[in-house]
Protein backbone atom coordinates (compact mmCIF):
# COMPACT_ATOMS: atom_id res chain seq x y z
CA UNK A 1 0.07 -0.16 -0.03
CA UNK A 2 1.30 3.24 -1.25
CA UNK A 3 -1.05 5.75 -0.05
CA UNK A 4 -0.15 8.46 1.97
CA UNK A 5 -1.75 8.94 5.55
CA UNK A 6 -2.85 11.88 7.34
CA UNK A 7 -3.81 11.67 11.27
CA UNK A 8 -5.85 14.24 12.43
CA UNK A 9 -4.95 14.32 16.14
CA UNK A 10 -1.97 12.94 17.71
CA UNK A 11 -3.38 11.68 20.82
CA UNK A 12 -2.66 7.98 22.17
CA UNK A 13 -4.77 5.94 19.84
CA UNK A 14 -2.97 8.06 16.92
CA UNK A 15 0.36 6.74 18.32
CA UNK A 16 -0.46 3.54 18.58
CA UNK A 17 -1.37 3.06 15.08
CA UNK A 18 1.64 5.23 13.93
CA UNK A 19 3.60 3.10 15.97
CA UNK A 20 2.16 0.05 14.73
CA UNK A 21 2.68 0.89 10.98
CA UNK A 22 6.26 1.97 11.29
CA UNK A 23 6.92 -0.99 13.08
CA UNK A 24 5.63 -2.96 10.13
CA UNK A 25 7.37 -1.35 7.85
CA UNK A 26 5.24 1.79 6.52
CA UNK A 27 7.27 4.24 4.89
CA UNK A 28 7.58 7.09 7.61
CA UNK A 29 7.43 9.53 4.72
CA UNK A 30 4.14 8.49 4.04
CA UNK A 31 2.51 9.16 7.40
CA UNK A 32 1.86 12.38 8.66
CA UNK A 33 -0.12 13.77 11.53
CA UNK A 34 -1.69 17.01 12.69
CA UNK A 35 -2.07 18.27 16.35
CA UNK A 36 -2.90 22.03 17.88
CA UNK A 37 -0.55 21.63 20.92
CA UNK A 38 3.50 22.41 19.70
CA UNK A 39 4.63 20.16 22.43
CA UNK A 40 2.56 17.23 20.77
CA UNK A 41 3.75 18.02 17.44
CA UNK A 42 7.31 18.29 18.69
CA UNK A 43 6.52 14.39 20.47
CA UNK A 44 5.27 12.88 17.79
CA UNK A 45 8.23 14.01 15.16
CA UNK A 46 10.87 12.86 17.85
CA UNK A 47 9.12 9.92 18.61
CA UNK A 48 8.26 8.36 14.91
CA UNK A 49 10.62 10.31 12.72
CA UNK A 50 7.15 12.13 10.86
CA UNK A 51 5.75 15.42 9.97
CA UNK A 52 3.20 16.72 12.40
CA UNK A 53 2.00 20.13 11.75
CA UNK A 54 -1.10 22.47 13.03
CA UNK A 55 -2.69 23.03 9.99
CA UNK A 56 -5.41 20.22 8.98
CA UNK A 57 -6.07 21.53 5.81
CA UNK A 58 -2.51 21.70 4.86
CA UNK A 59 -2.02 17.99 5.82
CA UNK A 60 -5.01 16.96 3.97
CA UNK A 61 -3.85 18.49 0.42
CA UNK A 62 -1.43 15.74 0.59
CA UNK A 63 -3.00 12.97 1.97
CA UNK A 64 -4.71 9.85 0.23
CA UNK A 65 -6.23 8.79 3.46
CA UNK A 66 -7.47 10.95 6.38
CA UNK A 67 -7.83 9.07 10.18
CA UNK A 68 -9.91 11.35 12.34
CA UNK A 69 -8.52 10.35 15.61
CA UNK A 70 -9.76 13.45 17.61
CA UNK A 71 -12.34 13.09 20.25
CA UNK A 72 -16.00 12.70 19.52
CA UNK A 73 -17.16 15.78 21.35
CA UNK A 74 -15.26 18.03 18.74
CA UNK A 75 -15.41 15.96 15.51
CA UNK A 76 -18.27 17.77 14.62
CA UNK A 77 -16.27 21.03 14.92
CA UNK A 78 -13.25 19.49 13.05
CA UNK A 79 -15.07 17.87 10.19
CA UNK A 80 -16.81 21.52 9.36
CA UNK A 81 -13.36 22.91 9.62
CA UNK A 82 -12.07 20.49 7.02
CA UNK A 83 -14.84 20.21 4.65
CA UNK A 84 -13.76 21.92 1.94
CA UNK A 85 -10.18 20.42 1.81
CA UNK A 86 -11.68 16.82 1.86
CA UNK A 87 -14.44 17.86 -1.02
CA UNK A 88 -11.42 19.03 -3.04
CA UNK A 89 -9.40 15.74 -2.28
CA UNK A 90 -11.71 13.26 -1.75
CA UNK A 91 -9.70 10.88 0.61
CA UNK A 92 -10.59 7.68 2.24
CA UNK A 93 -12.06 8.96 5.85
CA UNK A 94 -11.34 6.37 8.61
CA UNK A 95 -13.26 7.62 11.81
CA UNK A 96 -11.69 5.91 15.12
CA UNK A 97 -13.76 8.44 17.10
CA UNK A 98 -16.31 6.53 19.21
CA UNK A 99 -20.03 6.78 18.78
CA UNK A 100 -20.28 8.98 15.67
CA UNK A 101 -22.35 7.41 13.09
CA UNK A 102 -20.63 7.80 9.13
CA UNK A 103 -23.56 9.33 7.99
CA UNK A 104 -22.84 12.22 10.50
CA UNK A 105 -19.51 12.35 9.36
CA UNK A 106 -20.42 12.32 6.02
CA UNK A 107 -22.94 15.35 6.35
CA UNK A 108 -20.33 17.17 8.57
CA UNK A 109 -18.00 16.88 5.49
CA UNK A 110 -20.23 17.78 2.72
CA UNK A 111 -21.52 14.84 1.22
CA UNK A 112 -20.26 11.87 -0.97
CA UNK A 113 -17.70 10.55 1.22
CA UNK A 114 -15.82 7.20 1.33
CA UNK A 115 -15.81 6.66 4.92
CA UNK A 116 -15.05 3.68 7.30
CA UNK A 117 -16.08 3.92 10.96
CA UNK A 118 -13.93 1.88 13.47
CA UNK A 119 -14.34 1.11 16.90
CA UNK A 120 -10.97 -0.15 18.50
CA UNK A 121 -10.54 -0.83 22.02
CA UNK A 122 -7.86 0.61 24.68
CA UNK A 123 -5.54 -3.00 24.26
CA UNK A 124 -4.83 -1.26 20.67
CA UNK A 125 -2.52 1.15 22.76
CA UNK A 126 -0.29 -1.78 22.98
CA UNK A 127 -0.77 -3.10 19.63
CA UNK A 128 -3.31 -6.01 21.18
CA UNK A 129 -6.72 -4.55 20.20
CA UNK A 130 -9.81 -5.50 18.83
CA UNK A 131 -11.45 -3.55 16.20
CA UNK A 132 -14.86 -3.42 14.38
CA UNK A 133 -14.87 -1.68 11.05
CA UNK A 134 -18.13 -0.98 8.97
CA UNK A 135 -17.90 0.93 5.56
CA UNK A 136 -20.30 2.99 4.13
CA UNK A 137 -21.48 2.52 0.53
CA UNK A 138 -19.00 4.78 -1.20
CA UNK A 139 -15.61 2.81 0.07
CA UNK A 140 -14.04 0.70 -2.63
CA UNK A 141 -12.96 -3.12 -2.04
CA UNK A 142 -9.36 -1.34 -2.25
CA UNK A 143 -9.94 1.06 0.34
CA UNK A 144 -11.31 -1.31 2.49
CA UNK A 145 -8.29 -3.31 2.39
CA UNK A 146 -6.17 -0.10 3.00
CA UNK A 147 -8.48 0.87 6.18
CA UNK A 148 -7.97 -3.01 7.57
CA UNK A 149 -4.40 -2.80 7.10
CA UNK A 150 -4.25 0.42 8.83
CA UNK A 151 -6.19 -0.87 11.87
CA UNK A 152 -4.32 -4.02 11.92
CA UNK A 153 -1.25 -2.13 13.16
CA UNK A 154 -3.21 -2.11 16.56
CA UNK A 155 -4.56 -5.56 16.49
CA UNK A 156 -7.21 -7.82 15.33
CA UNK A 157 -9.88 -6.46 13.09
CA UNK A 158 -13.34 -7.53 12.12
CA UNK A 159 -15.82 -5.97 9.77
CA UNK A 160 -19.68 -5.85 10.36
CA UNK A 161 -22.01 -5.59 7.27
CA UNK A 162 -24.71 -3.45 9.38
CA UNK A 163 -23.43 -0.26 11.20
CA UNK A 164 -25.96 -0.68 13.82
CA UNK A 165 -23.84 -3.91 14.91
CA UNK A 166 -20.89 -1.30 15.67
CA UNK A 167 -23.16 -0.76 18.94
CA UNK A 168 -22.60 -4.50 19.61
CA UNK A 169 -19.31 -3.96 18.92
CA UNK A 170 -18.88 -1.19 21.38
CA UNK A 171 -20.82 -3.31 23.96
CA UNK A 172 -18.48 -6.43 23.51
CA UNK A 173 -15.08 -5.48 22.85
CA UNK A 174 -14.85 -1.94 23.05
CA UNK A 175 -16.20 -1.72 26.80
CA UNK A 176 -15.16 -5.30 27.25
CA UNK A 177 -11.58 -4.91 28.62
CA UNK A 178 -13.53 -2.84 31.53
CA UNK A 179 -15.46 -6.24 32.32
CA UNK A 180 -12.40 -7.98 32.44
CA UNK A 181 -10.72 -5.73 35.00
CA UNK A 182 -13.68 -5.76 36.91
CA UNK A 183 -13.58 -9.33 37.11
CA UNK A 184 -9.99 -9.67 38.04
CA UNK A 185 -10.13 -6.81 40.71
CA UNK A 186 -13.05 -9.13 42.36
CA UNK A 187 -10.78 -12.09 42.14
CA UNK A 188 -7.59 -10.37 43.80
CA UNK A 189 -10.17 -9.03 46.61
CA UNK A 190 -11.40 -12.13 47.19
CA UNK A 191 -7.94 -14.06 47.31
CA UNK A 192 -7.09 -11.50 49.88
CA UNK A 193 -9.56 -12.35 51.96
CA UNK A 194 -8.76 -15.90 51.75
CA UNK A 195 -5.41 -15.10 53.20
CA UNK A 196 -3.27 -14.22 50.14
CA UNK A 197 -1.18 -10.97 50.31
CA UNK A 198 -1.84 -8.49 47.78
CA UNK A 199 1.37 -8.98 45.54
CA UNK A 200 0.53 -12.65 45.26
CA UNK A 201 -3.23 -11.84 44.65
CA UNK A 202 -2.42 -9.53 41.76
CA UNK A 203 0.43 -11.95 40.29
CA UNK A 204 -1.83 -15.09 40.47
CA UNK A 205 -4.92 -12.93 39.21
CA UNK A 206 -2.89 -11.56 36.08
CA UNK A 207 -1.24 -14.52 34.95
CA UNK A 208 -4.48 -16.96 35.47
CA UNK A 209 -6.29 -14.21 33.28
CA UNK A 210 -3.44 -14.33 30.58
CA UNK A 211 -3.22 -17.92 30.72
CA UNK A 212 -6.78 -18.78 30.13
CA UNK A 213 -6.72 -16.14 27.23
CA UNK A 214 -4.04 -17.92 25.73
CA UNK A 215 -5.43 -21.03 25.81
CA UNK A 216 -8.55 -19.86 24.09
CA UNK A 217 -6.64 -17.88 21.31
CA UNK A 218 -4.48 -21.28 20.55
CA UNK A 219 -7.03 -23.96 21.19
CA UNK A 220 -9.51 -25.35 18.20
CA UNK A 221 -12.41 -25.99 21.34
CA UNK A 222 -14.80 -23.09 22.26
CA UNK A 223 -14.98 -21.56 25.66
CA UNK A 224 -17.76 -23.82 26.84
CA UNK A 225 -15.47 -26.93 26.15
CA UNK A 226 -12.40 -25.62 27.72
CA UNK A 227 -14.59 -24.94 30.91
CA UNK A 228 -16.14 -28.26 30.89
CA UNK A 229 -12.29 -29.68 30.42
CA UNK A 230 -11.32 -28.23 33.65
CA UNK A 231 -14.10 -28.81 35.75
CA UNK A 232 -13.98 -32.20 37.65
CA UNK A 233 -16.83 -33.67 38.85
CA UNK A 234 -17.61 -32.63 42.73
CA UNK A 235 -14.50 -30.68 42.52
CA UNK A 236 -13.58 -27.32 43.55
CA UNK A 237 -13.94 -25.77 40.24
CA UNK A 238 -17.59 -27.18 40.03
CA UNK A 239 -18.37 -25.43 43.15
CA UNK A 240 -16.97 -22.09 41.98
CA UNK A 241 -19.04 -22.46 38.70
CA UNK A 242 -22.34 -23.84 40.20
CA UNK A 243 -22.02 -20.64 42.55
CA UNK A 244 -21.56 -18.16 39.40
CA UNK A 245 -24.63 -20.04 37.63
CA UNK A 246 -26.81 -19.98 40.67
CA UNK A 247 -26.05 -16.49 41.18
CA UNK A 248 -27.00 -15.52 37.68
CA UNK A 249 -23.50 -14.53 36.22
CA UNK A 250 -24.66 -15.09 32.55
CA UNK A 251 -27.93 -13.06 32.90
CA UNK A 252 -25.98 -10.14 34.76
CA UNK A 253 -23.47 -10.30 31.78
CA UNK A 254 -26.13 -10.29 29.07
CA UNK A 255 -27.87 -7.25 31.16
CA UNK A 256 -24.60 -5.60 31.16
CA UNK A 257 -23.87 -5.62 27.21
CA UNK A 258 -27.59 -4.62 26.56
CA UNK A 259 -27.08 -1.54 28.82
CA UNK A 260 -24.00 -0.88 27.00
CA UNK A 261 -25.61 -1.13 23.60
CA UNK A 262 -28.17 0.95 24.37
CA UNK A 263 -25.68 3.68 25.47
CA UNK A 264 -24.01 3.55 22.58
CA UNK A 265 -27.11 4.52 20.45
CA UNK A 266 -28.00 7.09 22.70
CA UNK A 267 -24.31 8.37 22.56
CA UNK A 268 -24.40 8.46 18.67
CA UNK A 269 -27.94 10.30 18.58
CA UNK A 270 -26.18 13.06 21.17
CA UNK A 271 -23.00 13.32 19.36
CA UNK A 272 -24.79 13.18 15.81
CA UNK A 273 -26.79 16.07 16.79
CA UNK A 274 -25.89 19.18 14.68
CA UNK A 275 -27.90 21.35 17.30
């Protein structure tokens, strides 16, 4: 891929993608970024050896692909400020701003734009993310490949065929890391109540979570089969699993993800309101 990339906004997600792309061999001279803060621009240039400027429109004039990596709350303002440049250049637009629908981005940019909306998660910051992608009708197959290549720099990528499914991705992988953090936090606390010191509880919890995830990734069996394989009849694991089931763990998880899905829809409506 020989496209010139421009990141509008040089925050953590942009830095993660830029770092991943360069590590995978993407030419530095074909990556640029913009940021309103001089200190941030200097840091990006020093860290990655790429151009980082203050003028969004100047950067877009040189770009084949524009990655919108600003906070969702200011995306409308940013899009309207670059509308003329985008209409003139007609680059592929990739948004990593959570909660903003492609139709709203397209409207703010003046219409008829090729837009890929993505939903990465925080492990993308260490190139271990999971990103859902949706392409609007103006995106070509070649542009889909370009978007996938860029987002793979932060981890796994999965396409969805309907934009509303991005809300489900948000509820699953977007918010999901926090669910695991909460569960691990609860395990650490329970282990300390059983007599382990805090350091031991922390280390065993982290390694157990890592090991379980690695087994799932490397096994041909699904989660249910792996769980059954380690649950001996009348053993300690069975007692714990039975307690989880009796206390409604599955129902609680389903309700939590439904709540996250609803809030994703609400946020999209709020953030997409021109008023």
